């Protein structure tokens, strides 16, 4: 083997090893990103549910006008809005409707068109 062939073989081997390493690293990073995305989506759902529950408690006659609950509600809503800034991340794992009909069904099932009346 000539000197040039040896150098090319070494460079090719190093290039292949480097590409394999980059592939493994990129796969691990994408896996972690998808995990974080799913967890952020779950956290968003939990915070939204908490804010709605707190709103319903605040609206009860026994607690209506309570300043502590009012500030807690404002804080929960503010936290929920701040978490929505990460929507681009946690929407990575959400499935998007493929057709316009499915989009209507997902958004509000009551808005879907009723089937035409049967003709006799």
N, C-alpha and C. Protein backbone atom coordinates (compact mmCIF):
# COMPACT_ATOMS: atom_id res chain seq x y z
N UNK A 1 0.84 -1.17 0.00
CA UNK A 1 0.00 0.00 0.00
C UNK A 1 0.89 1.24 0.00
N UNK A 2 0.50 2.17 -0.83
CA UNK A 2 1.29 3.39 -0.89
C UNK A 2 0.92 4.30 0.28
N UNK A 3 1.72 5.30 0.45
CA UNK A 3 1.51 6.26 1.54
C UNK A 3 0.16 6.97 1.37
N UNK A 4 -0.21 7.34 0.14
CA UNK A 4 -1.47 8.03 -0.12
C UNK A 4 -2.66 7.13 0.22
N UNK A 5 -2.60 5.87 -0.14
CA UNK A 5 -3.68 4.94 0.18
C UNK A 5 -3.85 4.77 1.69
N UNK A 6 -2.76 4.73 2.42
CA UNK A 6 -2.79 4.61 3.87
C UNK A 6 -3.45 5.84 4.50
N UNK A 7 -3.06 7.01 4.04
CA UNK A 7 -3.63 8.26 4.57
C UNK A 7 -5.12 8.31 4.27
N UNK A 8 -5.52 7.96 3.05
CA UNK A 8 -6.94 7.97 2.69
C UNK A 8 -7.73 6.95 3.51
N UNK A 9 -7.17 5.80 3.77
CA UNK A 9 -7.84 4.78 4.58
C UNK A 9 -8.04 5.27 6.01
N UNK A 10 -7.02 5.90 6.58
CA UNK A 10 -7.12 6.42 7.95
C UNK A 10 -8.15 7.53 8.02
N UNK A 11 -8.13 8.45 7.06
CA UNK A 11 -9.08 9.56 7.04
C UNK A 11 -10.50 9.04 6.85
N UNK A 12 -10.69 8.08 5.99
CA UNK A 12 -12.01 7.50 5.77
C UNK A 12 -12.52 6.82 7.04
N UNK A 13 -11.66 6.06 7.69
CA UNK A 13 -12.05 5.39 8.93
C UNK A 13 -12.42 6.40 10.01
N UNK A 14 -11.62 7.45 10.18
CA UNK A 14 -11.92 8.49 11.16
C UNK A 14 -13.23 9.20 10.81
N UNK A 15 -13.46 9.45 9.55
CA UNK A 15 -14.69 10.11 9.13
C UNK A 15 -15.91 9.24 9.44
N UNK A 16 -15.80 7.96 9.17
CA UNK A 16 -16.92 7.05 9.45
C UNK A 16 -17.19 6.99 10.96
N UNK A 17 -16.14 6.87 11.76
CA UNK A 17 -16.31 6.85 13.21
C UNK A 17 -16.92 8.15 13.72
N UNK A 18 -16.47 9.26 13.19
CA UNK A 18 -17.01 10.56 13.59
C UNK A 18 -18.49 10.67 13.24
N UNK A 19 -18.86 10.24 12.04
CA UNK A 19 -20.27 10.29 11.63
C UNK A 19 -21.15 9.38 12.48
N UNK A 20 -20.65 8.22 12.85
CA UNK A 20 -21.40 7.32 13.73
C UNK A 20 -21.60 7.99 15.09
N UNK A 21 -20.55 8.62 15.62
CA UNK A 21 -20.65 9.32 16.90
C UNK A 21 -21.66 10.46 16.85
N UNK A 22 -21.65 11.23 15.78
CA UNK A 22 -22.60 12.33 15.63
C UNK A 22 -24.02 11.79 15.53
N UNK A 23 -24.23 10.71 14.83
CA UNK A 23 -25.55 10.11 14.71
C UNK A 23 -26.07 9.65 16.07
N UNK A 24 -25.23 8.97 16.84
CA UNK A 24 -25.63 8.49 18.17
C UNK A 24 -25.96 9.67 19.08
N UNK A 25 -25.14 10.71 19.05
CA UNK A 25 -25.37 11.89 19.88
C UNK A 25 -26.68 12.59 19.48
N UNK A 26 -26.90 12.77 18.18
CA UNK A 26 -28.11 13.45 17.70
C UNK A 26 -29.35 12.65 18.08
N UNK A 27 -29.27 11.36 17.99
CA UNK A 27 -30.42 10.52 18.36
C UNK A 27 -30.73 10.66 19.85
N UNK A 28 -29.69 10.69 20.68
CA UNK A 28 -29.90 10.84 22.13
C UNK A 28 -30.50 12.22 22.45
N UNK A 29 -30.04 13.25 21.77
CA UNK A 29 -30.56 14.59 22.01
C UNK A 29 -32.02 14.70 21.59
N UNK A 30 -32.37 14.14 20.46
CA UNK A 30 -33.76 14.17 20.00
C UNK A 30 -34.65 13.38 20.95
N UNK A 31 -34.18 12.26 21.45
CA UNK A 31 -34.95 11.47 22.41
C UNK A 31 -35.22 12.28 23.67
N UNK A 32 -34.20 12.96 24.18
CA UNK A 32 -34.38 13.79 25.37
C UNK A 32 -35.33 14.95 25.10
N UNK A 33 -35.22 15.56 23.93
CA UNK A 33 -36.10 16.68 23.58
C UNK A 33 -37.55 16.22 23.53
N UNK A 34 -37.81 15.07 22.95
CA UNK A 34 -39.18 14.55 22.89
C UNK A 34 -39.71 14.22 24.28
N UNK A 35 -38.85 13.71 25.15
CA UNK A 35 -39.26 13.43 26.53
C UNK A 35 -39.63 14.72 27.25
N UNK A 36 -38.79 15.74 27.13
CA UNK A 36 -39.07 17.03 27.76
C UNK A 36 -40.33 17.64 27.16
N UNK A 37 -40.52 17.50 25.87
CA UNK A 37 -41.70 18.03 25.21
C UNK A 37 -42.96 17.40 25.78
N UNK A 38 -42.94 16.10 25.94
CA UNK A 38 -44.11 15.40 26.48
C UNK A 38 -44.38 15.81 27.93
N UNK A 39 -43.33 15.94 28.72
CA UNK A 39 -43.49 16.34 30.12
C UNK A 39 -44.01 17.78 30.23
N UNK A 40 -43.53 18.66 29.37
CA UNK A 40 -44.03 20.04 29.39
C UNK A 40 -45.50 20.09 29.00
N UNK A 41 -45.90 19.27 28.05
CA UNK A 41 -47.31 19.20 27.67
C UNK A 41 -48.18 18.74 28.83
N UNK A 42 -47.69 17.72 29.57
CA UNK A 42 -48.42 17.25 30.74
C UNK A 42 -48.49 18.32 31.82
N UNK A 43 -47.39 19.03 32.02
CA UNK A 43 -47.37 20.11 33.01
C UNK A 43 -48.34 21.22 32.62
N UNK A 44 -48.40 21.55 31.35
CA UNK A 44 -49.33 22.58 30.86
C UNK A 44 -50.77 22.15 31.15
N UNK A 45 -51.08 20.90 30.90
CA UNK A 45 -52.42 20.39 31.15
C UNK A 45 -52.76 20.45 32.64
N UNK A 46 -51.81 20.09 33.48
CA UNK A 46 -52.03 20.12 34.92
C UNK A 46 -52.23 21.55 35.43
N UNK A 47 -51.42 22.47 34.96
CA UNK A 47 -51.54 23.86 35.39
C UNK A 47 -52.85 24.46 34.92
N UNK A 48 -53.25 24.12 33.70
CA UNK A 48 -54.53 24.61 33.18
C UNK A 48 -55.68 24.07 34.03
N UNK A 49 -55.64 22.80 34.37
CA UNK A 49 -56.67 22.21 35.22
C UNK A 49 -56.68 22.84 36.61
N UNK A 50 -55.51 23.12 37.15
CA UNK A 50 -55.42 23.76 38.46
C UNK A 50 -56.03 25.15 38.42
N UNK A 51 -55.72 25.92 37.38
CA UNK A 51 -56.27 27.27 37.26
C UNK A 51 -57.79 27.24 37.13
N UNK A 52 -58.32 26.29 36.37
CA UNK A 52 -59.77 26.18 36.23
C UNK A 52 -60.43 25.77 37.55
N UNK A 53 -59.80 24.85 38.27
CA UNK A 53 -60.33 24.43 39.56
C UNK A 53 -60.30 25.59 40.56
N UNK A 54 -59.21 26.32 40.56
CA UNK A 54 -59.09 27.46 41.46
C UNK A 54 -60.13 28.53 41.13
N UNK A 55 -60.39 28.72 39.85
CA UNK A 55 -61.42 29.67 39.42
C UNK A 55 -62.78 29.23 39.94
N UNK A 56 -63.08 27.93 39.84
CA UNK A 56 -64.39 27.46 40.30
C UNK A 56 -64.50 27.58 41.83
N UNK A 57 -63.41 27.35 42.56
CA UNK A 57 -63.45 27.53 44.01
C UNK A 57 -63.63 29.00 44.35
N UNK A 58 -62.94 29.86 43.65
CA UNK A 58 -63.04 31.30 43.90
C UNK A 58 -64.46 31.81 43.67
N UNK A 59 -65.15 31.21 42.70
CA UNK A 59 -66.51 31.64 42.38
C UNK A 59 -67.56 31.09 43.34
N UNK A 60 -67.18 30.17 44.23
CA UNK A 60 -68.13 29.68 45.22
C UNK A 60 -68.53 30.82 46.16
N UNK A 61 -69.74 30.77 46.61
CA UNK A 61 -70.27 31.84 47.45
C UNK A 61 -69.46 32.02 48.73
N UNK A 62 -68.97 30.93 49.30
CA UNK A 62 -68.23 31.01 50.56
C UNK A 62 -66.88 31.71 50.39
N UNK A 63 -66.28 31.65 49.20
CA UNK A 63 -64.94 32.20 48.99
C UNK A 63 -64.93 33.43 48.09
N UNK A 64 -66.06 33.82 47.53
CA UNK A 64 -66.09 34.91 46.57
C UNK A 64 -65.54 36.19 47.21
N UNK A 65 -64.58 36.81 46.58
CA UNK A 65 -64.00 38.05 47.07
C UNK A 65 -62.81 37.87 47.97
N UNK A 66 -62.43 36.63 48.30
CA UNK A 66 -61.27 36.38 49.15
C UNK A 66 -60.01 36.84 48.42
N UNK A 67 -59.28 37.75 49.03
CA UNK A 67 -58.09 38.33 48.38
C UNK A 67 -56.99 37.30 48.18
N UNK A 68 -56.82 36.40 49.13
CA UNK A 68 -55.78 35.39 49.01
C UNK A 68 -56.05 34.49 47.81
N UNK A 69 -57.28 34.03 47.67
CA UNK A 69 -57.63 33.19 46.52
C UNK A 69 -57.54 33.99 45.22
N UNK A 70 -57.90 35.26 45.28
CA UNK A 70 -57.82 36.10 44.07
C UNK A 70 -56.37 36.21 43.60
N UNK A 71 -55.46 36.45 44.53
CA UNK A 71 -54.04 36.55 44.14
C UNK A 71 -53.48 35.20 43.70
N UNK A 72 -53.92 34.13 44.35
CA UNK A 72 -53.48 32.80 43.94
C UNK A 72 -53.99 32.48 42.53
N UNK A 73 -55.22 32.86 42.24
CA UNK A 73 -55.79 32.65 40.91
C UNK A 73 -55.02 33.46 39.87
N UNK A 74 -54.73 34.72 40.19
CA UNK A 74 -53.97 35.56 39.24
C UNK A 74 -52.58 34.96 39.01
N UNK A 75 -51.97 34.43 40.06
CA UNK A 75 -50.65 33.82 39.93
C UNK A 75 -50.72 32.56 39.07
N UNK A 76 -51.75 31.74 39.27
CA UNK A 76 -51.90 30.51 38.49
C UNK A 76 -52.13 30.82 37.01
N UNK A 77 -52.95 31.83 36.74
CA UNK A 77 -53.21 32.22 35.35
C UNK A 77 -51.93 32.77 34.72
N UNK A 78 -51.20 33.58 35.48
CA UNK A 78 -49.94 34.15 34.98
C UNK A 78 -48.93 33.04 34.68
N UNK A 79 -48.84 32.07 35.58
CA UNK A 79 -47.93 30.94 35.39
C UNK A 79 -48.33 30.13 34.16
N UNK A 80 -49.62 29.94 33.97
CA UNK A 80 -50.12 29.22 32.81
C UNK A 80 -49.77 29.95 31.52
N UNK A 81 -49.92 31.27 31.51
CA UNK A 81 -49.58 32.06 30.33
C UNK A 81 -48.08 32.00 30.05
N UNK A 82 -47.27 32.03 31.10
CA UNK A 82 -45.82 31.93 30.92
C UNK A 82 -45.44 30.57 30.35
N UNK A 83 -46.11 29.53 30.80
CA UNK A 83 -45.83 28.19 30.31
C UNK A 83 -46.22 28.04 28.85
N UNK A 84 -47.19 28.80 28.39
CA UNK A 84 -47.61 28.74 27.00
C UNK A 84 -46.53 29.24 26.05
N UNK A 85 -45.53 29.98 26.56
CA UNK A 85 -44.42 30.41 25.70
C UNK A 85 -43.60 29.22 25.23
N UNK A 86 -43.72 28.09 25.92
CA UNK A 86 -43.00 26.88 25.53
C UNK A 86 -43.83 25.98 24.63
N UNK A 87 -44.91 26.50 24.09
CA UNK A 87 -45.82 25.69 23.27
C UNK A 87 -45.10 25.06 22.08
N UNK A 88 -44.13 25.76 21.53
CA UNK A 88 -43.41 25.20 20.39
C UNK A 88 -42.68 23.92 20.76
N UNK A 89 -42.28 23.81 22.02
CA UNK A 89 -41.57 22.61 22.46
C UNK A 89 -42.55 21.48 22.76
N UNK A 90 -43.58 21.77 23.57
CA UNK A 90 -44.45 20.66 23.95
C UNK A 90 -45.45 20.29 22.87
N UNK A 91 -45.56 21.08 21.83
CA UNK A 91 -46.44 20.69 20.73
C UNK A 91 -45.75 19.72 19.77
N UNK A 92 -44.47 19.44 20.01
CA UNK A 92 -43.76 18.49 19.16
C UNK A 92 -44.35 17.09 19.26
N UNK A 93 -44.88 16.74 20.43
CA UNK A 93 -45.40 15.39 20.61
C UNK A 93 -46.90 15.30 20.43
N UNK A 94 -47.57 16.41 20.19
CA UNK A 94 -49.01 16.38 19.96
C UNK A 94 -49.29 16.05 18.52
N UNK A 95 -50.28 15.21 18.30
CA UNK A 95 -50.66 14.86 16.94
C UNK A 95 -51.56 15.96 16.38
N UNK A 96 -51.32 16.33 15.14
CA UNK A 96 -52.13 17.35 14.50
C UNK A 96 -53.19 16.66 13.63
N UNK A 97 -54.39 17.22 13.59
CA UNK A 97 -55.43 16.64 12.72
C UNK A 97 -54.97 16.69 11.27
N UNK A 98 -55.32 15.64 10.52
CA UNK A 98 -54.87 15.58 9.14
C UNK A 98 -55.87 16.19 8.16
N UNK A 99 -57.12 16.25 8.54
CA UNK A 99 -58.12 16.82 7.65
C UNK A 99 -58.88 17.92 8.37
N UNK A 100 -59.59 18.72 7.61
CA UNK A 100 -60.36 19.82 8.18
C UNK A 100 -61.47 19.29 9.07
N UNK A 101 -62.07 18.18 8.69
CA UNK A 101 -63.15 17.59 9.49
C UNK A 101 -62.63 17.16 10.85
N UNK A 102 -61.45 16.53 10.88
CA UNK A 102 -60.87 16.13 12.15
C UNK A 102 -60.53 17.34 13.01
N UNK A 103 -60.12 18.44 12.39
CA UNK A 103 -59.80 19.65 13.13
C UNK A 103 -61.04 20.18 13.83
N UNK A 104 -62.18 20.11 13.18
CA UNK A 104 -63.44 20.55 13.80
C UNK A 104 -63.78 19.63 14.97
N UNK A 105 -63.61 18.33 14.77
CA UNK A 105 -63.92 17.37 15.83
C UNK A 105 -63.03 17.57 17.05
N UNK A 106 -61.76 17.88 16.84
CA UNK A 106 -60.84 18.06 17.95
C UNK A 106 -61.13 19.36 18.68
N UNK A 107 -61.40 20.43 17.93
CA UNK A 107 -61.61 21.73 18.57
C UNK A 107 -62.88 21.75 19.37
N UNK A 108 -64.00 21.38 18.79
CA UNK A 108 -65.27 21.40 19.50
C UNK A 108 -66.22 20.42 18.84
N UNK A 109 -66.49 19.31 19.49
CA UNK A 109 -67.35 18.31 18.86
C UNK A 109 -68.77 18.81 18.60
N UNK A 110 -69.21 19.83 19.34
CA UNK A 110 -70.56 20.35 19.15
C UNK A 110 -70.69 21.15 17.86
N UNK A 111 -69.56 21.62 17.31
CA UNK A 111 -69.60 22.44 16.10
C UNK A 111 -69.62 21.60 14.83
N UNK A 112 -69.43 20.31 14.95
CA UNK A 112 -69.43 19.46 13.77
C UNK A 112 -70.81 19.49 13.14
N UNK A 113 -70.80 19.42 11.83
CA UNK A 113 -72.07 19.48 11.11
C UNK A 113 -72.93 18.27 11.42
N UNK A 114 -74.20 18.50 11.60
CA UNK A 114 -75.15 17.41 11.82
C UNK A 114 -75.41 16.72 10.49
N UNK A 115 -75.65 15.42 10.51
CA UNK A 115 -75.92 14.73 9.24
C UNK A 115 -77.24 15.23 8.67
N UNK A 116 -77.36 15.23 7.36
CA UNK A 116 -78.62 15.70 6.75
C UNK A 116 -79.77 14.81 7.18
N UNK A 117 -80.97 15.39 7.29
CA UNK A 117 -82.13 14.60 7.70
C UNK A 117 -82.45 13.53 6.65
N UNK A 118 -82.91 12.42 7.14
CA UNK A 118 -83.24 11.31 6.24
C UNK A 118 -84.51 11.65 5.46
N UNK A 119 -84.49 11.36 4.17
CA UNK A 119 -85.67 11.64 3.35
C UNK A 119 -86.50 10.37 3.23
N UNK A 120 -87.81 10.56 3.30
CA UNK A 120 -88.72 9.42 3.23
C UNK A 120 -89.22 9.20 1.84
